[in-house]
Amino acid sequence: MTLIGRLSEPDIATLPDWEAAEVLNVPDVTLPIVVTWEPTRIGIGSVMDALGAQAGAALLDVLTLMATNNSTLRWGLRTLEQNGLNFSLPSVRSEIDALVLSGVITEAQRDALFALSRRERHPSWSEYYGVKVDARAVGIARGARE
């Protein structure tokens, strides 16, 4: 959608340029959610808090046993022990997804762990369509109509 097209829609067609620009720069709940991953430093306590003490401890015990034969898990656990596992990294998330596929953890557990780093938000119209919108841009798009 173009800026000119959006500005002709009834909800903002009659707004002053500055106000139309404001509307186009606030989160729009009609647009698809944007997922971002916040850099985190996840440790053992975070895992136990996210999954519950018993389930978290049980998972850590299973992973510890598995880590004796899996170097990726071994080093991942070591990083976790040092409060440094970062779920914002795609490589870390793919390893956790692999644990779901192998039946070590459930999707619900994965989602609880990912919630420690995953952020969801609605973008603004401006962000979603990659258009810089300010009062000047609105005025130009409208043909400098006041």
Protein backbone atom coordinates (compact mmCIF):
# COMPACT_ATOMS: atom_id res chain seq x y z
CA MET A 1 0.00 0.00 0.00
CA THR A 2 1.26 3.47 -0.81
CA LEU A 3 1.21 6.49 1.46
CA ILE A 4 -1.14 8.29 -0.92
CA GLY A 5 -3.52 5.33 -0.85
CA ARG A 6 -3.43 5.08 2.93
CA LEU A 7 -4.05 8.81 3.33
CA SER A 8 -7.23 8.53 1.26
CA GLU A 9 -8.78 6.05 3.69
CA PRO A 10 -11.65 7.47 5.78
CA ASP A 11 -10.00 7.12 9.20
CA ILE A 12 -7.26 9.65 8.35
CA ALA A 13 -8.38 11.39 5.16
CA THR A 14 -9.61 14.50 7.00
CA LEU A 15 -6.95 14.68 9.68
CA PRO A 16 -4.37 17.48 9.62
CA ASP A 17 -1.01 16.40 8.20
CA TRP A 18 0.70 16.24 11.60
CA GLU A 19 -2.08 14.14 13.11
CA ALA A 20 -2.19 11.76 10.14
CA ALA A 21 1.57 11.28 10.52
CA GLU A 22 1.10 10.46 14.21
CA VAL A 23 -1.57 7.87 13.39
CA LEU A 24 0.73 6.20 10.87
CA ASN A 25 3.59 6.01 13.39
CA VAL A 26 1.81 4.30 16.30
CA PRO A 27 1.45 0.52 16.62
CA ASP A 28 -1.35 -0.76 14.40
CA VAL A 29 -3.12 -3.83 15.79
CA THR A 30 -4.51 -4.67 12.35
CA LEU A 31 -0.99 -5.45 11.09
CA PRO A 32 0.77 -8.79 11.64
CA ILE A 33 2.79 -9.14 14.83
CA VAL A 34 6.53 -8.59 14.61
CA VAL A 35 8.66 -10.96 16.69
CA THR A 36 12.00 -9.80 18.01
CA TRP A 37 14.44 -11.58 20.26
CA GLU A 38 15.85 -9.61 23.16
CA PRO A 39 19.44 -10.48 24.02
CA THR A 40 19.33 -12.36 27.30
CA ARG A 41 21.60 -14.07 29.78
CA ILE A 42 19.67 -17.15 30.80
CA GLY A 43 20.88 -19.30 33.67
CA ILE A 44 19.74 -22.35 35.60
CA GLY A 45 17.50 -20.25 37.84
CA SER A 46 15.74 -18.80 34.80
CA VAL A 47 15.04 -22.30 33.46
CA MET A 48 13.65 -23.45 36.79
CA ASP A 49 11.56 -20.31 37.12
CA ALA A 50 10.15 -20.62 33.58
CA LEU A 51 9.33 -24.34 33.84
CA GLY A 52 8.72 -24.67 37.56
CA ALA A 53 11.22 -26.00 40.06
CA GLN A 54 10.49 -29.71 39.59
CA ALA A 55 10.09 -29.70 35.82
CA GLY A 56 13.10 -27.41 35.41
CA ALA A 57 15.28 -29.61 37.59
CA ALA A 58 14.10 -32.75 35.78
CA LEU A 59 14.95 -31.20 32.41
CA LEU A 60 18.37 -30.11 33.62
CA ASP A 61 19.04 -33.65 34.91
CA VAL A 62 18.09 -35.16 31.53
CA LEU A 63 20.22 -32.64 29.66
CA THR A 64 23.16 -33.32 31.97
CA LEU A 65 22.94 -37.03 31.19
CA MET A 66 22.62 -36.38 27.46
CA ALA A 67 25.55 -33.94 27.54
CA THR A 68 28.02 -36.72 28.30
CA ASN A 69 27.66 -37.84 24.67
CA ASN A 70 26.77 -34.54 23.00
CA SER A 71 29.31 -31.72 22.90
CA THR A 72 26.73 -29.14 21.82
CA LEU A 73 24.64 -29.88 24.90
CA ARG A 74 27.70 -30.04 27.11
CA TRP A 75 28.83 -26.55 26.15
CA GLY A 76 25.30 -25.21 26.14
CA LEU A 77 24.84 -26.43 29.72
CA ARG A 78 28.16 -24.91 30.70
CA THR A 79 27.02 -21.58 29.27
CA LEU A 80 23.70 -21.97 31.09
CA GLU A 81 25.54 -22.64 34.37
CA GLN A 82 27.38 -19.34 33.91
CA ASN A 83 24.13 -17.40 33.34
CA GLY A 84 25.11 -16.75 29.76
CA LEU A 85 22.82 -18.72 27.43
CA ASN A 86 21.35 -16.25 24.98
CA PHE A 87 17.99 -17.25 23.46
CA SER A 88 18.13 -14.34 21.02
CA LEU A 89 20.68 -16.32 19.00
CA PRO A 90 19.13 -18.43 16.21
CA SER A 91 21.63 -21.22 16.84
CA VAL A 92 20.52 -21.56 20.46
CA ARG A 93 16.83 -21.58 19.48
CA SER A 94 17.45 -24.22 16.81
CA GLU A 95 19.14 -26.47 19.38
CA ILE A 96 16.15 -26.08 21.68
CA ASP A 97 13.82 -26.85 18.75
CA ALA A 98 15.88 -30.01 18.14
CA LEU A 99 15.22 -31.03 21.75
CA VAL A 100 11.48 -30.72 21.04
CA LEU A 101 11.78 -32.85 17.89
CA SER A 102 13.67 -35.51 19.80
CA GLY A 103 11.03 -35.57 22.55
CA VAL A 104 13.32 -34.30 25.32
CA ILE A 105 11.15 -31.25 25.99
CA THR A 106 7.58 -30.40 25.07
CA GLU A 107 6.50 -27.53 22.84
CA ALA A 108 4.95 -25.88 25.92
CA GLN A 109 8.29 -26.06 27.74
CA ARG A 110 10.10 -24.64 24.72
CA ASP A 111 7.60 -21.81 24.51
CA ALA A 112 8.03 -21.05 28.23
CA LEU A 113 11.80 -20.91 27.75
CA PHE A 114 11.56 -18.79 24.61
CA ALA A 115 9.25 -16.37 26.44
CA LEU A 116 12.32 -15.32 28.42
CA SER A 117 13.64 -13.62 25.29
CA ARG A 118 10.81 -13.42 22.73
CA ARG A 119 9.01 -10.12 22.30
CA GLU A 120 5.93 -9.59 20.18
CA ARG A 121 4.58 -6.25 19.06
CA HIS A 122 2.49 -4.68 16.37
CA PRO A 123 4.42 -2.44 13.98
CA SER A 124 3.25 0.98 12.89
CA TRP A 125 1.94 1.40 9.35
CA SER A 126 5.09 3.40 8.62
CA GLU A 127 7.40 0.63 9.85
CA TYR A 128 5.45 -2.18 8.19
CA TYR A 129 5.50 -0.56 4.76
CA GLY A 130 8.98 0.93 5.15
CA VAL A 131 7.82 4.50 4.59
CA LYS A 132 9.19 7.41 6.62
CA VAL A 133 6.11 9.37 7.62
CA ASP A 134 6.15 12.83 9.13
CA ALA A 135 3.90 15.85 8.59
CA ARG A 136 6.02 16.99 5.65
CA ALA A 137 5.75 13.61 3.89
CA VAL A 138 1.99 13.61 4.45
CA GLY A 139 1.71 17.12 3.03
CA ILE A 140 3.75 16.19 -0.03
CA ALA A 141 1.71 13.02 -0.57
CA ARG A 142 -1.50 15.02 -0.34
CA GLY A 143 -0.18 17.58 -2.82
CA ALA A 144 0.66 20.09 -0.08
CA ARG A 145 -3.01 20.34 0.88
CA GLU A 146 -3.50 22.11 4.21
